[in-house]
C-alpha atoms as a PDB file:
ATOM      1  CA  MET A   1     -26.463 -26.443   4.835  1.00  0.00           C
ATOM      2  CA  ARG A   2     -28.521 -24.016   5.986  1.00  0.00           C
ATOM      3  CA  PHE A   3     -28.242 -20.139   4.929  1.00  0.00           C
ATOM      4  CA  LYS A   4     -30.130 -17.069   7.254  1.00  0.00           C
ATOM      5  CA  LYS A   5     -28.724 -14.612   5.334  1.00  0.00           C
ATOM      6  CA  SER A   6     -27.006 -14.568   1.576  1.00  0.00           C
ATOM      7  CA  LEU A   7     -24.936 -12.030   0.044  1.00  0.00           C
ATOM      8  CA  THR A   8     -23.270 -12.370  -3.498  1.00  0.00           C
ATOM      9  CA  CYS A   9     -20.002 -10.994  -3.718  1.00  0.00           C
ATOM     10  CA  VAL A  10     -17.385 -10.617  -6.475  1.00  0.00           C
ATOM     11  CA  ASP A  11     -13.678 -10.112  -5.343  1.00  0.00           C
ATOM     12  CA  MET A  12     -11.828  -7.797  -8.069  1.00  0.00           C
ATOM     13  CA  HIS A  13      -8.935  -5.925  -7.740  1.00  0.00           C
ATOM     14  CA  THR A  14      -7.635  -2.051  -9.473  1.00  0.00           C
ATOM     15  CA  ALA A  15      -4.361  -1.919 -10.105  1.00  0.00           C
ATOM     16  CA  GLY A  16      -3.445  -4.437  -7.136  1.00  0.00           C
ATOM     17  CA  GLU A  17      -6.159  -2.459  -4.343  1.00  0.00           C
ATOM     18  CA  ALA A  18      -8.701  -4.677  -3.265  1.00  0.00           C
ATOM     19  CA  ALA A  19     -12.717  -4.542  -4.246  1.00  0.00           C
ATOM     20  CA  ARG A  20     -15.012  -6.782  -3.075  1.00  0.00           C
ATOM     21  CA  ILE A  21     -18.190  -5.660  -4.840  1.00  0.00           C
ATOM     22  CA  VAL A  22     -21.857  -7.017  -3.165  1.00  0.00           C
ATOM     23  CA  THR A  23     -23.943  -7.569  -6.417  1.00  0.00           C
ATOM     24  CA  SER A  24     -27.013  -8.807  -4.942  1.00  0.00           C
ATOM     25  CA  GLY A  25     -28.944  -9.819  -1.383  1.00  0.00           C
ATOM     26  CA  LEU A  26     -28.830  -6.589   0.597  1.00  0.00           C
ATOM     27  CA  PRO A  27     -32.424  -5.703   1.629  1.00  0.00           C
ATOM     28  CA  PRO A  28     -33.728  -2.410   0.027  1.00  0.00           C
ATOM     29  CA  VAL A  29     -31.950   0.169   1.857  1.00  0.00           C
ATOM     30  CA  PRO A  30     -34.287   3.546   2.369  1.00  0.00           C
ATOM     31  CA  GLY A  31     -33.115   6.705   1.388  1.00  0.00           C
ATOM     32  CA  ALA A  32     -34.007   9.368  -1.027  1.00  0.00           C
ATOM     33  CA  THR A  33     -30.341  10.247  -1.786  1.00  0.00           C
ATOM     34  CA  MET A  34     -27.229   7.876  -1.789  1.00  0.00           C
ATOM     35  CA  ALA A  35     -26.070  10.113   0.781  1.00  0.00           C
ATOM     36  CA  ALA A  36     -29.037   9.439   3.063  1.00  0.00           C
ATOM     37  CA  LYS A  37     -28.917   5.279   1.707  1.00  0.00           C
ATOM     38  CA  LYS A  38     -25.131   5.815   2.904  1.00  0.00           C
ATOM     39  CA  ALA A  39     -26.117   7.160   6.523  1.00  0.00           C
ATOM     40  CA  TYR A  40     -29.128   4.501   6.991  1.00  0.00           C
ATOM     41  CA  LEU A  41     -26.655   1.845   5.995  1.00  0.00           C
ATOM     42  CA  GLN A  42     -24.253   3.105   8.756  1.00  0.00           C
ATOM     43  CA  GLU A  43     -26.639   3.922  11.607  1.00  0.00           C
ATOM     44  CA  HIS A  44     -29.115   0.882  11.103  1.00  0.00           C
ATOM     45  CA  MET A  45     -27.456  -1.872   8.746  1.00  0.00           C
ATOM     46  CA  ASP A  46     -24.059  -1.840   9.482  1.00  0.00           C
ATOM     47  CA  TYR A  47     -23.659  -5.750  10.510  1.00  0.00           C
ATOM     48  CA  PHE A  48     -23.553  -5.916   6.655  1.00  0.00           C
ATOM     49  CA  ARG A  49     -20.637  -4.174   6.081  1.00  0.00           C
ATOM     50  CA  ARG A  50     -18.527  -6.048   8.762  1.00  0.00           C
ATOM     51  CA  ARG A  51     -19.597  -9.261   7.615  1.00  0.00           C
ATOM     52  CA  VAL A  52     -17.856  -8.864   4.173  1.00  0.00           C
ATOM     53  CA  MET A  53     -15.286  -6.458   5.820  1.00  0.00           C
ATOM     54  CA  LEU A  54     -14.194  -8.098   8.711  1.00  0.00           C
ATOM     55  CA  GLU A  55     -12.727 -11.041   9.703  1.00  0.00           C
ATOM     56  CA  PRO A  56     -13.126 -13.995   9.160  1.00  0.00           C
ATOM     57  CA  ARG A  57     -14.688 -13.129   5.373  1.00  0.00           C
ATOM     58  CA  GLY A  58     -12.717 -10.216   5.403  1.00  0.00           C
ATOM     59  CA  HIS A  59      -9.448  -7.973   6.471  1.00  0.00           C
ATOM     60  CA  ASP A  60      -8.181  -4.703   7.984  1.00  0.00           C
ATOM     61  CA  ASP A  61      -7.041  -4.127   4.468  1.00  0.00           C
ATOM     62  CA  ILE A  62      -9.883  -5.044   2.352  1.00  0.00           C
ATOM     63  CA  PHE A  63     -12.144  -2.490   0.584  1.00  0.00           C
ATOM     64  CA  GLY A  64     -15.404  -2.879  -1.050  1.00  0.00           C
ATOM     65  CA  ALA A  65     -18.860  -1.636  -2.300  1.00  0.00           C
ATOM     66  CA  PHE A  66     -22.659  -2.199  -2.229  1.00  0.00           C
ATOM     67  CA  LEU A  67     -24.215  -1.730  -5.466  1.00  0.00           C
ATOM     68  CA  LEU A  68     -27.939  -0.432  -4.799  1.00  0.00           C
ATOM     69  CA  ASP A  69     -30.905   0.714  -6.985  1.00  0.00           C
ATOM     70  CA  PRO A  70     -29.874   4.612  -8.419  1.00  0.00           C
ATOM     71  CA  VAL A  71     -31.826   7.374  -6.936  1.00  0.00           C
ATOM     72  CA  ALA A  72     -30.625   9.995  -9.556  1.00  0.00           C
ATOM     73  CA  GLU A  73     -33.017   9.807 -12.835  1.00  0.00           C
ATOM     74  CA  ASP A  74     -29.832   9.665 -15.491  1.00  0.00           C
ATOM     75  CA  ALA A  75     -27.481   6.884 -13.268  1.00  0.00           C
ATOM     76  CA  ASP A  76     -27.377   3.460 -14.126  1.00  0.00           C
ATOM     77  CA  LEU A  77     -26.570   2.137 -10.565  1.00  0.00           C
ATOM     78  CA  GLY A  78     -26.181   3.303  -7.310  1.00  0.00           C
ATOM     79  CA  ILE A  79     -23.085   2.805  -4.950  1.00  0.00           C
ATOM     80  CA  VAL A  80     -21.771   3.162  -1.518  1.00  0.00           C
ATOM     81  CA  PHE A  81     -18.510   2.532  -0.710  1.00  0.00           C
ATOM     82  CA  MET A  82     -16.800   0.916   2.678  1.00  0.00           C
ATOM     83  CA  ASP A  83     -13.735  -0.538   4.251  1.00  0.00           C
ATOM     84  CA  SER A  84     -12.896  -2.358   7.275  1.00  0.00           C
ATOM     85  CA  GLY A  85     -13.279   1.114   9.153  1.00  0.00           C
ATOM     86  CA  GLY A  86     -16.424   2.459   8.055  1.00  0.00           C
ATOM     87  CA  TYR A  87     -18.114   4.263   4.833  1.00  0.00           C
ATOM     88  CA  LEU A  88     -16.474   6.594   2.193  1.00  0.00           C
ATOM     89  CA  ASN A  89     -18.362   9.005  -0.227  1.00  0.00           C
ATOM     90  CA  MET A  90     -16.523   8.307  -3.369  1.00  0.00           C
ATOM     91  CA  CYS A  91     -13.603   5.854  -4.602  1.00  0.00           C
ATOM     92  CA  GLY A  92     -11.991   5.804  -8.131  1.00  0.00           C
ATOM     93  CA  HIS A  93     -10.646   2.317  -7.777  1.00  0.00           C
ATOM     94  CA  ASN A  94     -14.128   0.758  -6.718  1.00  0.00           C
ATOM     95  CA  SER A  95     -15.763   2.759  -9.292  1.00  0.00           C
ATOM     96  CA  ILE A  96     -13.555   1.107 -11.937  1.00  0.00           C
ATOM     97  CA  ALA A  97     -14.042  -2.129 -10.439  1.00  0.00           C
ATOM     98  CA  ALA A  98     -17.854  -1.995  -9.852  1.00  0.00           C
ATOM     99  CA  VAL A  99     -18.600  -0.723 -13.716  1.00  0.00           C
ATOM    100  CA  THR A 100     -16.453  -3.668 -15.060  1.00  0.00           C
ATOM    101  CA  ALA A 101     -18.229  -6.212 -12.908  1.00  0.00           C
ATOM    102  CA  ALA A 102     -21.668  -4.661 -14.013  1.00  0.00           C
ATOM    103  CA  VAL A 103     -20.543  -5.053 -18.075  1.00  0.00           C
ATOM    104  CA  GLU A 104     -19.032  -8.657 -17.376  1.00  0.00           C
ATOM    105  CA  MET A 105     -22.027  -9.784 -15.415  1.00  0.00           C
ATOM    106  CA  GLY A 106     -24.522  -8.440 -17.505  1.00  0.00           C
ATOM    107  CA  LEU A 107     -25.967  -6.033 -14.549  1.00  0.00           C
ATOM    108  CA  VAL A 108     -26.417  -3.138 -17.205  1.00  0.00           C
ATOM    109  CA  HIS A 109     -27.211  -3.206 -20.944  1.00  0.00           C
ATOM    110  CA  VAL A 110     -24.466  -3.367 -23.341  1.00  0.00           C
ATOM    111  CA  PRO A 111     -25.684  -2.768 -27.051  1.00  0.00           C
ATOM    112  CA  GLU A 112     -24.912  -5.823 -29.721  1.00  0.00           C
ATOM    113  CA  ASN A 113     -21.713  -5.125 -31.303  1.00  0.00           C
ATOM    114  CA  ALA A 114     -20.797  -2.223 -28.701  1.00  0.00           C
ATOM    115  CA  LYS A 115     -17.381  -1.367 -28.320  1.00  0.00           C
ATOM    116  CA  GLN A 116     -17.696   0.869 -25.283  1.00  0.00           C
ATOM    117  CA  VAL A 117     -20.612   1.413 -23.230  1.00  0.00           C
ATOM    118  CA  SER A 118     -21.111   4.519 -20.968  1.00  0.00           C
ATOM    119  CA  VAL A 119     -22.374   3.671 -17.056  1.00  0.00           C
ATOM    120  CA  VAL A 120     -23.164   6.215 -14.844  1.00  0.00           C
ATOM    121  CA  LEU A 121     -22.769   6.013 -10.935  1.00  0.00           C
ATOM    122  CA  ASP A 122     -24.944   7.549  -8.236  1.00  0.00           C
ATOM    123  CA  THR A 123     -22.588   7.757  -5.278  1.00  0.00           C
ATOM    124  CA  PRO A 124     -22.316   9.807  -1.957  1.00  0.00           C
ATOM    125  CA  ALA A 125     -20.554  12.519  -3.674  1.00  0.00           C
ATOM    126  CA  GLY A 126     -22.545  12.778  -7.063  1.00  0.00           C
ATOM    127  CA  LEU A 127     -22.457  11.400 -10.438  1.00  0.00           C
ATOM    128  CA  VAL A 128     -19.513   9.778 -11.692  1.00  0.00           C
ATOM    129  CA  ARG A 129     -19.567   9.123 -15.282  1.00  0.00           C
ATOM    130  CA  THR A 130     -17.542   5.949 -16.625  1.00  0.00           C
ATOM    131  CA  ALA A 131     -16.482   4.676 -20.115  1.00  0.00           C
ATOM    132  CA  VAL A 132     -15.971   0.950 -20.278  1.00  0.00           C
ATOM    133  CA  HIS A 133     -14.022  -0.074 -23.185  1.00  0.00           C
ATOM    134  CA  LEU A 134     -14.565  -3.956 -24.565  1.00  0.00           C
ATOM    135  CA  HIS A 135     -11.963  -5.734 -25.766  1.00  0.00           C
ATOM    136  CA  GLU A 136     -14.131  -7.238 -28.593  1.00  0.00           C
ATOM    137  CA  ALA A 137     -17.589  -5.877 -29.402  1.00  0.00           C
ATOM    138  CA  GLY A 138     -19.944  -7.571 -27.288  1.00  0.00           C
ATOM    139  CA  GLY A 139     -23.549  -7.893 -25.791  1.00  0.00           C
ATOM    140  CA  ASP A 140     -24.928  -8.427 -22.454  1.00  0.00           C
ATOM    141  CA  GLY A 141     -23.058 -10.836 -20.322  1.00  0.00           C
ATOM    142  CA  GLY A 142     -20.581 -11.388 -22.782  1.00  0.00           C
ATOM    143  CA  SER A 143     -18.403  -8.703 -22.816  1.00  0.00           C
ATOM    144  CA  GLU A 144     -14.993  -8.938 -21.907  1.00  0.00           C
ATOM    145  CA  VAL A 145     -14.039  -5.097 -20.510  1.00  0.00           C
ATOM    146  CA  SER A 146     -10.199  -3.822 -21.246  1.00  0.00           C
ATOM    147  CA  HIS A 147     -10.250  -0.888 -19.624  1.00  0.00           C
ATOM    148  CA  VAL A 148     -12.338   2.177 -17.578  1.00  0.00           C
ATOM    149  CA  SER A 149     -12.306   5.530 -17.501  1.00  0.00           C
ATOM    150  CA  ILE A 150     -13.812   7.887 -15.435  1.00  0.00           C
ATOM    151  CA  VAL A 151     -15.135  11.703 -15.049  1.00  0.00           C
ATOM    152  CA  ASN A 152     -15.025  12.191 -11.214  1.00  0.00           C
ATOM    153  CA  VAL A 153     -17.219  14.746  -9.305  1.00  0.00           C
ATOM    154  CA  PRO A 154     -15.707  17.975  -9.525  1.00  0.00           C
ATOM    155  CA  ALA A 155     -12.117  18.460  -7.526  1.00  0.00           C
ATOM    156  CA  PHE A 156     -10.847  21.635  -5.983  1.00  0.00           C
ATOM    157  CA  LEU A 157      -8.288  22.592  -3.382  1.00  0.00           C
ATOM    158  CA  TYR A 158     -10.057  23.684  -0.045  1.00  0.00           C
ATOM    159  CA  GLN A 159      -7.497  25.476   1.931  1.00  0.00           C
ATOM    160  CA  ARG A 160      -3.615  25.648   1.173  1.00  0.00           C
ATOM    161  CA  ASP A 161      -0.645  26.082   3.748  1.00  0.00           C
ATOM    162  CA  VAL A 162      -2.531  24.678   6.651  1.00  0.00           C
ATOM    163  CA  VAL A 163      -0.423  23.749   9.623  1.00  0.00           C
ATOM    164  CA  VAL A 164      -0.884  21.678  12.613  1.00  0.00           C
ATOM    165  CA  THR A 165       1.486  20.331  15.386  1.00  0.00           C
ATOM    166  CA  LEU A 166       1.925  16.368  15.976  1.00  0.00           C
ATOM    167  CA  PRO A 167       3.864  14.815  18.744  1.00  0.00           C
ATOM    168  CA  ASP A 168       7.557  14.437  18.493  1.00  0.00           C
ATOM    169  CA  PRO A 169       9.588  13.846  16.843  1.00  0.00           C
ATOM    170  CA  TYR A 170       7.334  15.486  13.989  1.00  0.00           C
ATOM    171  CA  GLY A 171       6.274  18.891  15.758  1.00  0.00           C
ATOM    172  CA  GLU A 172       4.867  21.657  12.675  1.00  0.00           C
ATOM    173  CA  VAL A 173       3.723  19.826   9.530  1.00  0.00           C
ATOM    174  CA  ARG A 174       2.615  22.124   6.704  1.00  0.00           C
ATOM    175  CA  PHE A 175      -0.139  20.696   4.044  1.00  0.00           C
ATOM    176  CA  ASP A 176      -2.884  21.428   1.742  1.00  0.00           C
ATOM    177  CA  ILE A 177      -6.382  20.342   2.193  1.00  0.00           C
ATOM    178  CA  ALA A 178      -8.211  19.128  -1.251  1.00  0.00           C
ATOM    179  CA  PHE A 179     -11.598  17.346  -2.102  1.00  0.00           C
ATOM    180  CA  GLY A 180     -11.503  14.985  -4.771  1.00  0.00           C
ATOM    181  CA  GLY A 181     -14.482  12.726  -3.909  1.00  0.00           C
ATOM    182  CA  SER A 182     -13.314  12.883  -0.310  1.00  0.00           C
ATOM    183  CA  PHE A 183     -11.416  15.448   1.530  1.00  0.00           C
ATOM    184  CA  PHE A 184      -7.609  14.780   1.549  1.00  0.00           C
ATOM    185  CA  ALA A 185      -4.681  16.306   3.692  1.00  0.00           C
ATOM    186  CA  ILE A 186      -1.698  16.386   0.839  1.00  0.00           C
ATOM    187  CA  VAL A 187       1.822  16.419   2.465  1.00  0.00           C
ATOM    188  CA  SER A 188       5.087  16.023   1.533  1.00  0.00           C
ATOM    189  CA  ALA A 189       7.039  13.095   2.904  1.00  0.00           C
ATOM    190  CA  ALA A 190      10.384  15.006   3.512  1.00  0.00           C
ATOM    191  CA  GLN A 191       8.757  16.867   6.590  1.00  0.00           C
ATOM    192  CA  PHE A 192       8.795  13.651   8.236  1.00  0.00           C
ATOM    193  CA  GLY A 193      12.605  12.708   6.726  1.00  0.00           C
ATOM    194  CA  LEU A 194      10.877  10.092   4.921  1.00  0.00           C
ATOM    195  CA  ASP A 195      10.912   8.663   1.511  1.00  0.00           C
ATOM    196  CA  VAL A 196       7.574   7.151  -0.129  1.00  0.00           C
ATOM    197  CA  SER A 197       9.015   3.780  -0.324  1.00  0.00           C
ATOM    198  CA  THR A 198       8.171   0.228   1.153  1.00  0.00           C
ATOM    199  CA  GLU A 199      11.059   0.452   3.280  1.00  0.00           C
ATOM    200  CA  HIS A 200       9.310   3.424   5.469  1.00  0.00           C
ATOM    201  CA  LEU A 201       5.664   1.973   4.779  1.00  0.00           C
ATOM    202  CA  SER A 202       4.958   1.355   8.569  1.00  0.00           C
ATOM    203  CA  GLU A 203       6.084   4.336   9.689  1.00  0.00           C
ATOM    204  CA  LEU A 204       4.373   6.611   6.629  1.00  0.00           C
ATOM    205  CA  GLN A 205       1.154   4.460   7.767  1.00  0.00           C
ATOM    206  CA  HIS A 206       1.996   5.848  11.246  1.00  0.00           C
ATOM    207  CA  VAL A 207       2.322   9.745  10.567  1.00  0.00           C
ATOM    208  CA  GLY A 208      -0.669   9.463   7.813  1.00  0.00           C
ATOM    209  CA  ASP A 209      -3.016   8.134  10.669  1.00  0.00           C
ATOM    210  CA  LEU A 210      -1.427  10.980  13.173  1.00  0.00           C
ATOM    211  CA  LEU A 211      -2.054  13.714  10.832  1.00  0.00           C
ATOM    212  CA  ARG A 212      -5.628  12.788   9.635  1.00  0.00           C
ATOM    213  CA  THR A 213      -6.430  12.503  13.520  1.00  0.00           C
ATOM    214  CA  GLU A 214      -4.903  15.624  13.964  1.00  0.00           C
ATOM    215  CA  VAL A 215      -6.315  17.592  11.355  1.00  0.00           C
ATOM    216  CA  ASN A 216     -10.115  16.482  12.392  1.00  0.00           C
ATOM    217  CA  ARG A 217      -9.505  17.766  15.505  1.00  0.00           C
ATOM    218  CA  ALA A 218      -7.988  21.101  14.873  1.00  0.00           C
ATOM    219  CA  VAL A 219      -9.660  21.838  11.561  1.00  0.00           C
ATOM    220  CA  LYS A 220     -13.283  22.320  10.202  1.00  0.00           C
ATOM    221  CA  VAL A 221     -13.549  21.123   6.613  1.00  0.00           C
ATOM    222  CA  GLN A 222     -17.097  21.385   5.008  1.00  0.00           C
ATOM    223  CA  HIS A 223     -18.094  20.599   1.420  1.00  0.00           C
ATOM    224  CA  PRO A 224     -19.550  23.630  -0.492  1.00  0.00           C
ATOM    225  CA  GLN A 225     -22.812  21.888  -1.748  1.00  0.00           C
ATOM    226  CA  LEU A 226     -23.031  18.559   0.316  1.00  0.00           C
ATOM    227  CA  PRO A 227     -23.155  19.067   3.983  1.00  0.00           C
ATOM    228  CA  HIS A 228     -22.642  15.406   4.921  1.00  0.00           C
ATOM    229  CA  ILE A 229     -19.081  15.656   3.703  1.00  0.00           C
ATOM    230  CA  ASN A 230     -17.413  17.789   6.598  1.00  0.00           C
ATOM    231  CA  SER A 231     -14.429  15.389   7.412  1.00  0.00           C
ATOM    232  CA  VAL A 232     -10.705  14.445   5.939  1.00  0.00           C
ATOM    233  CA  ASP A 233     -10.984  10.810   5.126  1.00  0.00           C
ATOM    234  CA  CYS A 234      -7.609  10.434   3.653  1.00  0.00           C
ATOM    235  CA  VAL A 235      -3.760  11.685   3.667  1.00  0.00           C
ATOM    236  CA  GLU A 236      -1.592  11.639   0.590  1.00  0.00           C
ATOM    237  CA  ILE A 237       1.808  11.634   1.230  1.00  0.00           C
ATOM    238  CA  TYR A 238       3.860  12.499  -1.956  1.00  0.00           C
ATOM    239  CA  GLY A 239       7.810  12.508  -2.810  1.00  0.00           C
ATOM    240  CA  PRO A 240       9.984  12.969  -5.905  1.00  0.00           C
ATOM    241  CA  PRO A 241       9.137  10.241  -8.516  1.00  0.00           C
ATOM    242  CA  SER A 242      11.626   7.004  -8.943  1.00  0.00           C
ATOM    243  CA  HIS A 243      10.217   6.639 -12.504  1.00  0.00           C
ATOM    244  CA  PRO A 244      11.533   9.283 -15.002  1.00  0.00           C
ATOM    245  CA  GLN A 245       8.294   9.646 -16.675  1.00  0.00           C
ATOM    246  CA  ALA A 246       6.248  10.588 -13.654  1.00  0.00           C
ATOM    247  CA  THR A 247       5.941  13.937 -11.421  1.00  0.00           C
ATOM    248  CA  CYS A 248       5.556  12.467  -8.152  1.00  0.00           C
ATOM    249  CA  LYS A 249       5.137   9.398  -6.108  1.00  0.00           C
ATOM    250  CA  ASN A 250       2.419   9.275  -3.479  1.00  0.00           C
ATOM    251  CA  VAL A 251       0.955   6.730  -1.171  1.00  0.00           C
ATOM    252  CA  VAL A 252      -2.533   7.303   0.121  1.00  0.00           C
ATOM    253  CA  ILE A 253      -3.474   6.315   4.186  1.00  0.00           C
ATOM    254  CA  PHE A 254      -6.818   5.928   4.947  1.00  0.00           C
ATOM    255  CA  GLY A 255      -9.342   3.481   7.191  1.00  0.00           C
ATOM    256  CA  LYS A 256      -7.281   1.672   9.647  1.00  0.00           C
ATOM    257  CA  ARG A 257      -4.050   2.768   8.710  1.00  0.00           C
ATOM    258  CA  GLN A 258      -5.237   0.966   5.120  1.00  0.00           C
ATOM    259  CA  VAL A 259      -2.315   1.890   2.308  1.00  0.00           C
ATOM    260  CA  ASP A 260      -4.023   2.175  -1.148  1.00  0.00           C
ATOM    261  CA  ARG A 261      -2.312   0.117  -3.171  1.00  0.00           C
ATOM    262  CA  SER A 262      -3.998   1.791  -6.203  1.00  0.00           C
ATOM    263  CA  PRO A 263      -2.986   5.292  -7.314  1.00  0.00           C
ATOM    264  CA  CYS A 264      -5.923   6.496  -5.793  1.00  0.00           C
ATOM    265  CA  GLY A 265      -8.375   8.102  -8.379  1.00  0.00           C
ATOM    266  CA  THR A 266      -9.793  10.505  -5.713  1.00  0.00           C
ATOM    267  CA  GLY A 267      -6.394  11.375  -4.507  1.00  0.00           C
ATOM    268  CA  THR A 268      -5.244  11.790  -7.955  1.00  0.00           C
ATOM    269  CA  SER A 269      -8.107  14.306  -8.612  1.00  0.00           C
ATOM    270  CA  ALA A 270      -7.246  16.155  -5.186  1.00  0.00           C
ATOM    271  CA  LYS A 271      -3.282  16.479  -6.032  1.00  0.00           C
ATOM    272  CA  MET A 272      -4.427  17.582  -9.605  1.00  0.00           C
ATOM    273  CA  ALA A 273      -7.078  20.194  -8.422  1.00  0.00           C
ATOM    274  CA  THR A 274      -4.368  21.330  -6.121  1.00  0.00           C
ATOM    275  CA  LEU A 275      -1.397  21.760  -8.943  1.00  0.00           C
ATOM    276  CA  TYR A 276      -3.916  23.632 -10.479  1.00  0.00           C
ATOM    277  CA  ALA A 277      -4.756  26.086  -8.063  1.00  0.00           C
ATOM    278  CA  LYS A 278      -1.132  26.664  -7.278  1.00  0.00           C
ATOM    279  CA  GLY A 279      -0.472  27.224 -11.121  1.00  0.00           C
ATOM    280  CA  GLU A 280       1.623  23.976 -11.549  1.00  0.00           C
ATOM    281  CA  LEU A 281      -0.769  22.571 -13.759  1.00  0.00           C
ATOM    282  CA  ARG A 282      -2.372  23.655 -16.760  1.00  0.00           C
ATOM    283  CA  LEU A 283      -5.448  22.564 -18.569  1.00  0.00           C
ATOM    284  CA  GLY A 284      -4.793  19.686 -21.102  1.00  0.00           C
ATOM    285  CA  GLU A 285      -1.453  18.882 -19.094  1.00  0.00           C
ATOM    286  CA  THR A 286      -0.308  15.570 -17.546  1.00  0.00           C
END
């Protein structure tokens, strides 16, 4: 069997959400920043994304990332995130999966007898710092990860109480726009007469996609420091919790009506920034 092009991928998941990490095989990607590399991939090399994200190798609900050489001097790895519909600037669950793969496969240096290693990701949204905790003290290529914590890019409430009109039967919908690595529209499920539950999942997908489309038509967003981030990529729909120790329950809709199976790291950051800005969450609280 002859191969014209070969990519090495590792299939992982974080809290149930798919993460296909392309670890090697991609040609050099030009660009002085990770945002520029993302743009070049999108404009000139998108066939690589299509080959690993779309049928027959992928599917509509897949998510993944390309591992690249970093641009920032203090970063260990560069990363560009992708799904079946295109590219994103940041992703929490895939960052966790990527550094787990990098440590366990020996793609980053792990000092002998280390119980924790720091891995810094250069993303199109900025530097993301991770702490990778190990089950046992290990070294390069022999370390099993127990869990990962991340320090995300700065999150903030961008605009509160935005109102748009959706087609019947929904009408006017009020929501907040916040940033947590991507821009999110954060909206209550009650406005649609829905619960955040699997029983209502198909309609949550429908209204999430409707809202995202209308927001990007009617509302202009622009990151104050990153000119390439100028669209609402995700919709976070929230409602009352079903777990007694939880504060709220949410589902994130993105891409081709994809449902994030994980809690969504960027969405959680955006939600926490919104709660803080409204005085509903204080520093140090969870």
